[in-house]
């Protein structure tokens, strides 16, 4: 039940959900013939305009993504942990597992493995039952890693976790059984702050290895490079709204995990 509400309730803190709530309030106020009807409409519009603004979305994403940029070469470790959430399962009509936006995690884990940063890859992630049946995300990641040349005997699956906290708990158990300590933690850069806090709270010596950066230096530089760029970044954009929502999701997740005592 916690898992369901953890997915449901934050929706009303995200820009689109909050704007919809404000519009519902506006309908209620209008039904009561109140002169305050324009206020929630204005607030809902302001929320959407701010959230789809280039400076707002880029700043929020950057505040998360750039926290754990490695300084120099990553150290060696005893295992590479790659978190799920980066692939689409091979459900009809897909001919095979599809790489989603966060699929860089899988390729980066394979790259670190080829660079001999660690001899073992732990794939972590189950599948929420209301999101469809079939194998776990860990199994899908394992298939793709094997397809691109990672030795199957060097991959261990953690297939039962349904959130980042469970990722860390179950991975810790694997590490304890194998008497392993240091790991390279591979996940999307925007997800890294919460992930690292959770893994460290489990006593895991996790070295952040972020990938899938959504904001790079040129993205920030182009915001106001020309008058045309400035105007375009002021106008609403679905992509920027989605980016703002992803960043807010991570901040809400950090607060919820802190309240639960998971970080």
Protein backbone atom coordinates (compact mmCIF):
# COMPACT_ATOMS: atom_id res chain seq x y z
CA UNK A 1 0.00 0.00 0.00
CA UNK A 2 2.88 2.37 0.78
CA UNK A 3 4.24 1.77 -2.71
CA UNK A 4 0.90 2.73 -4.29
CA UNK A 5 0.50 5.91 -2.26
CA UNK A 6 4.16 6.80 -2.79
CA UNK A 7 3.36 6.87 -6.52
CA UNK A 8 -0.06 8.55 -6.19
CA UNK A 9 0.33 11.36 -3.66
CA UNK A 10 3.43 13.05 -5.14
CA UNK A 11 1.50 13.57 -8.39
CA UNK A 12 -0.28 16.48 -6.73
CA UNK A 13 3.04 18.16 -5.94
CA UNK A 14 4.19 18.03 -9.55
CA UNK A 15 3.41 21.04 -11.78
CA UNK A 16 0.71 19.41 -13.90
CA UNK A 17 -1.07 17.82 -10.95
CA UNK A 18 -0.86 21.02 -8.93
CA UNK A 19 -2.24 23.06 -11.84
CA UNK A 20 -5.14 20.61 -12.22
CA UNK A 21 -5.92 20.92 -8.51
CA UNK A 22 -5.96 24.69 -8.81
CA UNK A 23 -8.33 24.49 -11.77
CA UNK A 24 -10.64 22.25 -9.74
CA UNK A 25 -10.55 24.85 -6.98
CA UNK A 26 -11.39 27.50 -9.57
CA UNK A 27 -14.44 25.48 -10.67
CA UNK A 28 -15.59 25.15 -7.07
CA UNK A 29 -15.12 28.87 -6.43
CA UNK A 30 -16.92 29.71 -9.68
CA UNK A 31 -19.82 27.45 -8.69
CA UNK A 32 -20.14 29.45 -5.48
CA UNK A 33 -20.20 32.64 -7.57
CA UNK A 34 -17.16 34.01 -5.77
CA UNK A 35 -15.18 36.95 -7.06
CA UNK A 36 -11.99 34.97 -6.27
CA UNK A 37 -12.45 32.65 -9.26
CA UNK A 38 -9.60 34.19 -11.31
CA UNK A 39 -7.04 33.65 -8.53
CA UNK A 40 -6.64 29.83 -8.70
CA UNK A 41 -6.78 30.04 -12.52
CA UNK A 42 -3.93 32.55 -12.48
CA UNK A 43 -1.94 30.44 -9.99
CA UNK A 44 -2.39 27.30 -12.09
CA UNK A 45 -1.23 29.11 -15.20
CA UNK A 46 1.75 30.57 -13.31
CA UNK A 47 2.78 27.10 -12.10
CA UNK A 48 2.76 25.71 -15.64
CA UNK A 49 4.58 28.71 -17.11
CA UNK A 50 7.30 28.61 -14.46
CA UNK A 51 7.74 24.84 -14.64
CA UNK A 52 8.10 24.91 -18.44
CA UNK A 53 10.60 27.78 -18.35
CA UNK A 54 14.10 26.94 -19.59
CA UNK A 55 15.94 28.57 -16.68
CA UNK A 56 13.76 26.90 -14.05
CA UNK A 57 13.97 23.39 -15.52
CA UNK A 58 17.70 23.59 -16.24
CA UNK A 59 18.54 25.00 -12.81
CA UNK A 60 16.51 22.36 -10.97
CA UNK A 61 17.99 19.49 -12.97
CA UNK A 62 21.53 20.85 -12.68
CA UNK A 63 21.18 21.22 -8.89
CA UNK A 64 20.76 17.44 -8.72
CA UNK A 65 22.86 16.18 -11.61
CA UNK A 66 26.04 18.10 -10.89
CA UNK A 67 26.33 17.11 -7.22
CA UNK A 68 28.43 14.00 -7.82
CA UNK A 69 30.43 14.60 -10.98
CA UNK A 70 33.58 12.46 -10.59
CA UNK A 71 36.84 14.33 -10.17
CA UNK A 72 39.28 12.47 -12.35
CA UNK A 73 39.19 8.75 -13.07
CA UNK A 74 36.86 6.52 -11.12
CA UNK A 75 38.59 4.14 -8.69
CA UNK A 76 38.42 0.39 -8.95
CA UNK A 77 35.82 -1.43 -6.91
CA UNK A 78 34.64 -4.94 -6.14
CA UNK A 79 31.33 -4.65 -7.96
CA UNK A 80 29.34 -2.36 -10.25
CA UNK A 81 25.73 -1.82 -9.19
CA UNK A 82 23.42 -0.66 -11.97
CA UNK A 83 19.92 0.38 -10.92
CA UNK A 84 16.79 -0.39 -12.95
CA UNK A 85 14.39 2.03 -14.55
CA UNK A 86 16.24 2.39 -17.83
CA UNK A 87 14.66 -0.21 -20.13
CA UNK A 88 11.30 -1.06 -21.65
CA UNK A 89 10.42 -4.77 -21.46
CA UNK A 90 9.94 -6.89 -24.56
CA UNK A 91 6.16 -6.69 -24.55
CA UNK A 92 4.23 -6.97 -27.82
CA UNK A 93 4.91 -5.54 -30.35
CA UNK A 94 8.51 -4.82 -29.27
CA UNK A 95 10.85 -7.45 -30.77
CA UNK A 96 13.26 -7.18 -27.84
CA UNK A 97 14.04 -5.14 -24.75
CA UNK A 98 14.04 -1.45 -25.68
CA UNK A 99 16.49 1.09 -24.30
CA UNK A 100 14.66 4.01 -22.68
CA UNK A 101 16.13 7.45 -22.01
CA UNK A 102 18.02 6.24 -18.95
CA UNK A 103 19.52 3.31 -20.86
CA UNK A 104 22.94 4.95 -20.64
CA UNK A 105 23.15 3.25 -17.24
CA UNK A 106 23.46 -0.16 -18.88
CA UNK A 107 26.05 0.90 -21.43
CA UNK A 108 28.08 2.80 -18.85
CA UNK A 109 28.11 -0.21 -16.53
CA UNK A 110 29.38 -2.33 -19.44
CA UNK A 111 32.05 0.26 -20.21
CA UNK A 112 33.27 0.28 -16.60
CA UNK A 113 33.34 -3.52 -16.64
CA UNK A 114 35.44 -3.53 -19.84
CA UNK A 115 37.80 -1.02 -18.22
CA UNK A 116 38.32 -3.58 -15.43
CA UNK A 117 36.90 -1.24 -12.80
CA UNK A 118 35.19 -4.23 -11.19
CA UNK A 119 34.86 -7.95 -11.99
CA UNK A 120 31.16 -8.19 -11.09
CA UNK A 121 27.99 -6.35 -12.17
CA UNK A 122 24.93 -6.42 -9.92
CA UNK A 123 21.71 -5.55 -11.76
CA UNK A 124 19.05 -4.26 -9.38
CA UNK A 125 15.32 -3.86 -9.93
CA UNK A 126 12.08 -5.82 -9.84
CA UNK A 127 8.86 -4.94 -11.63
CA UNK A 128 5.77 -3.41 -10.03
CA UNK A 129 2.86 -5.82 -10.62
CA UNK A 130 0.42 -3.17 -11.89
CA UNK A 131 2.95 -2.18 -14.56
CA UNK A 132 2.68 -5.54 -16.28
CA UNK A 133 3.79 -9.12 -15.88
CA UNK A 134 6.96 -10.72 -17.08
CA UNK A 135 10.56 -10.72 -15.96
CA UNK A 136 12.20 -8.21 -13.67
CA UNK A 137 14.08 -5.11 -14.73
CA UNK A 138 17.24 -6.78 -13.45
CA UNK A 139 16.65 -9.65 -15.88
CA UNK A 140 16.14 -7.21 -18.76
CA UNK A 141 19.36 -5.38 -17.89
CA UNK A 142 21.18 -8.70 -17.71
CA UNK A 143 19.92 -9.64 -21.19
CA UNK A 144 21.18 -6.38 -22.66
CA UNK A 145 24.54 -6.58 -20.86
CA UNK A 146 25.02 -10.11 -22.19
CA UNK A 147 24.01 -8.97 -25.68
CA UNK A 148 26.72 -6.30 -25.69
CA UNK A 149 29.41 -8.67 -24.52
CA UNK A 150 29.46 -8.91 -20.73
CA UNK A 151 30.17 -12.44 -19.50
CA UNK A 152 26.91 -13.81 -17.97
CA UNK A 153 28.90 -15.43 -15.15
CA UNK A 154 30.03 -11.96 -14.07
CA UNK A 155 26.45 -10.71 -13.57
CA UNK A 156 24.33 -11.14 -10.45
CA UNK A 157 20.66 -10.19 -10.41
CA UNK A 158 18.70 -8.55 -7.61
CA UNK A 159 15.16 -8.96 -8.90
CA UNK A 160 12.87 -8.22 -5.95
CA UNK A 161 13.24 -4.51 -5.20
CA UNK A 162 10.48 -2.07 -6.15
CA UNK A 163 12.11 1.20 -5.10
CA UNK A 164 15.54 2.65 -4.44
CA UNK A 165 15.44 1.81 -0.73
CA UNK A 166 14.78 -1.85 -1.49
CA UNK A 167 17.56 -1.73 -4.11
CA UNK A 168 20.03 -0.76 -1.41
CA UNK A 169 18.77 -3.25 1.20
CA UNK A 170 18.87 -6.19 -1.20
CA UNK A 171 22.22 -5.23 -2.72
CA UNK A 172 23.71 -4.98 0.79
CA UNK A 173 22.65 -8.57 1.43
CA UNK A 174 24.35 -9.70 -1.77
CA UNK A 175 27.53 -7.83 -0.83
CA UNK A 176 27.54 -9.35 2.65
CA UNK A 177 27.15 -12.88 1.28
CA UNK A 178 30.05 -12.34 -1.11
CA UNK A 179 32.14 -10.41 1.43
CA UNK A 180 32.37 -7.36 -0.85
CA UNK A 181 32.74 -3.74 0.24
CA UNK A 182 33.25 -1.00 -2.35
CA UNK A 183 30.89 -0.66 -5.30
CA UNK A 184 30.53 1.72 -8.21
CA UNK A 185 26.93 2.94 -8.17
CA UNK A 186 25.60 3.52 -11.69
CA UNK A 187 22.34 5.40 -12.18
CA UNK A 188 21.05 8.50 -13.93
CA UNK A 189 22.72 11.68 -12.69
CA UNK A 190 19.40 13.21 -11.63
CA UNK A 191 18.68 10.11 -9.51
CA UNK A 192 22.17 9.89 -8.00
CA UNK A 193 21.77 12.18 -4.92
CA UNK A 194 18.89 10.13 -3.50
CA UNK A 195 20.43 6.80 -4.54
CA UNK A 196 23.78 7.57 -2.96
CA UNK A 197 22.18 8.69 0.32
CA UNK A 198 20.14 5.49 0.47
CA UNK A 199 23.09 3.20 -0.26
CA UNK A 200 25.29 4.98 2.26
CA UNK A 201 22.57 4.69 4.89
CA UNK A 202 22.84 0.91 4.43
CA UNK A 203 26.55 1.08 5.22
CA UNK A 204 27.60 0.43 1.63
CA UNK A 205 30.82 2.05 0.43
CA UNK A 206 29.31 3.39 -2.78
CA UNK A 207 31.29 5.46 -5.26
CA UNK A 208 28.96 7.54 -7.46
CA UNK A 209 29.26 6.83 -11.19
CA UNK A 210 26.50 9.01 -12.67
CA UNK A 211 25.47 8.90 -16.30
CA UNK A 212 22.50 9.98 -18.46
CA UNK A 213 23.12 13.69 -17.81
CA UNK A 214 20.19 15.78 -19.02
CA UNK A 215 21.98 19.12 -18.56
CA UNK A 216 25.41 19.81 -20.05
CA UNK A 217 27.38 23.06 -20.09
CA UNK A 218 26.29 24.05 -23.63
CA UNK A 219 22.65 23.64 -22.55
CA UNK A 220 23.17 26.31 -19.90
CA UNK A 221 25.15 28.58 -22.20
CA UNK A 222 22.46 28.60 -24.91
CA UNK A 223 19.69 29.77 -22.57
CA UNK A 224 20.37 33.44 -23.27
CA UNK A 225 23.02 33.31 -26.00
CA UNK A 226 20.79 35.17 -28.46
CA UNK A 227 17.51 37.11 -28.20
CA UNK A 228 15.83 34.27 -30.07
CA UNK A 229 17.10 31.71 -27.55
CA UNK A 230 15.95 33.89 -24.67
CA UNK A 231 12.45 34.16 -26.13
CA UNK A 232 12.18 30.43 -26.85
CA UNK A 233 13.26 29.55 -23.31
CA UNK A 234 10.59 31.83 -21.89
CA UNK A 235 7.83 30.09 -23.86
CA UNK A 236 6.17 26.93 -22.49
CA UNK A 237 7.68 23.59 -23.52
CA UNK A 238 6.46 20.07 -22.80
CA UNK A 239 10.06 18.82 -22.59
CA UNK A 240 11.02 21.45 -20.02
CA UNK A 241 7.85 20.73 -18.03
CA UNK A 242 8.83 17.05 -17.97
CA UNK A 243 12.37 17.92 -16.85
CA UNK A 244 11.09 20.13 -14.03
CA UNK A 245 8.76 17.33 -12.97
CA UNK A 246 11.63 14.83 -12.86
CA UNK A 247 13.68 17.14 -10.67
CA UNK A 248 10.78 17.82 -8.30
CA UNK A 249 10.14 14.06 -8.14
CA UNK A 250 13.67 13.54 -6.85
CA UNK A 251 13.39 16.31 -4.26
CA UNK A 252 10.03 14.94 -3.07
CA UNK A 253 11.60 11.48 -2.94
CA UNK A 254 14.47 12.73 -0.78
CA UNK A 255 12.01 14.31 1.67
CA UNK A 256 9.84 11.17 1.80
CA UNK A 257 12.86 8.91 2.31
CA UNK A 258 14.12 11.19 5.08
CA UNK A 259 10.72 11.08 6.80
CA UNK A 260 10.77 7.27 6.54
CA UNK A 261 14.26 7.13 8.04
CA UNK A 262 15.76 5.63 4.91
CA UNK A 263 18.44 8.30 4.53
